[in-house]
Amino acid sequence: MSGWARFGNVIIPLSSVTSISIKSTGDGKFYVEVHRYAGGSLVFHQTPVIATKAEADRTAERIAYGLYWEGT
């Protein structure tokens, strides 16, 4: 992957991303979790809670294509 994504005040290069997954909160809502390597360690970032699975799917796609800028 190439490009960038922003989570709050952290801008990450998509080239460091190892996985993007949609997780359930357990109450019918979702969030997207992104794992990446930073400084030799595996770290993760989460989106805020998302109301629907369809919206979570779109958010995951936006992250994968470098179109996600949370906090702007």
Protein backbone atom coordinates (compact mmCIF):
# COMPACT_ATOMS: atom_id res chain seq x y z
CA MET A 1 0.00 0.00 0.00
CA SER A 2 1.13 3.52 -0.62
CA GLY A 3 -0.10 6.80 0.74
CA TRP A 4 -0.92 8.02 4.23
CA ALA A 5 -3.68 7.85 6.82
CA ARG A 6 -4.28 10.12 9.79
CA PHE A 7 -5.50 9.00 13.22
CA GLY A 8 -5.91 12.07 15.40
CA ASN A 9 -2.50 13.75 15.37
CA VAL A 10 -0.64 10.63 14.13
CA ILE A 11 0.02 10.40 10.40
CA ILE A 12 1.07 6.92 9.31
CA PRO A 13 2.60 5.73 6.04
CA LEU A 14 0.46 2.96 4.57
CA SER A 15 3.67 1.13 3.61
CA SER A 16 4.08 0.29 7.33
CA VAL A 17 0.57 -1.21 7.65
CA THR A 18 0.42 -4.97 8.18
CA SER A 19 -3.36 -5.38 8.49
CA ILE A 20 -6.67 -3.56 8.42
CA SER A 21 -9.60 -5.26 10.13
CA ILE A 22 -13.16 -4.49 11.12
CA LYS A 23 -13.99 -5.30 14.73
CA SER A 24 -17.31 -5.43 16.55
CA THR A 25 -17.85 -3.51 19.77
CA GLY A 26 -20.31 -6.21 20.87
CA ASP A 27 -23.34 -3.95 20.79
CA GLY A 28 -24.00 -3.84 17.05
CA LYS A 29 -21.43 -1.14 16.31
CA PHE A 30 -17.99 -1.42 14.76
CA TYR A 31 -14.54 0.12 14.52
CA VAL A 32 -11.61 -0.36 12.17
CA GLU A 33 -8.27 -1.42 13.59
CA VAL A 34 -4.99 -0.86 11.74
CA HIS A 35 -1.81 -2.69 12.72
CA ARG A 36 1.56 -1.38 11.62
CA TYR A 37 5.23 -1.49 12.44
CA ALA A 38 6.76 1.58 14.06
CA GLY A 39 10.30 1.58 15.39
CA GLY A 40 10.49 -2.22 15.26
CA SER A 41 7.32 -2.71 17.30
CA LEU A 42 3.83 -3.70 16.18
CA VAL A 43 1.36 -0.96 17.13
CA PHE A 44 -2.29 -0.40 16.36
CA HIS A 45 -4.70 2.46 15.77
CA GLN A 46 -8.50 2.41 15.99
CA THR A 47 -11.16 4.55 14.40
CA PRO A 48 -13.92 5.97 16.55
CA VAL A 49 -17.01 3.74 16.85
CA ILE A 50 -18.91 3.38 13.57
CA ALA A 51 -22.68 2.81 13.52
CA THR A 52 -23.00 0.23 10.71
CA LYS A 53 -20.99 -2.60 9.15
CA ALA A 54 -21.39 -0.99 5.71
CA GLU A 55 -19.89 2.26 6.98
CA ALA A 56 -17.05 0.32 8.63
CA ASP A 57 -16.38 -1.44 5.30
CA ARG A 58 -16.21 1.94 3.52
CA THR A 59 -13.90 3.31 6.24
CA ALA A 60 -11.56 0.32 5.90
CA GLU A 61 -11.45 0.89 2.13
CA ARG A 62 -10.73 4.59 2.63
CA ILE A 63 -7.83 3.69 4.94
CA ALA A 64 -6.44 1.18 2.42
CA TYR A 65 -6.50 3.82 -0.34
CA GLY A 66 -4.99 6.58 1.79
CA LEU A 67 -8.22 8.56 2.00
CA TYR A 68 -8.75 8.46 5.78
CA TRP A 69 -8.02 11.65 7.73
CA GLU A 70 -9.55 11.41 11.20
CA GLY A 71 -9.36 14.56 13.26
CA THR A 72 -9.30 17.14 10.48
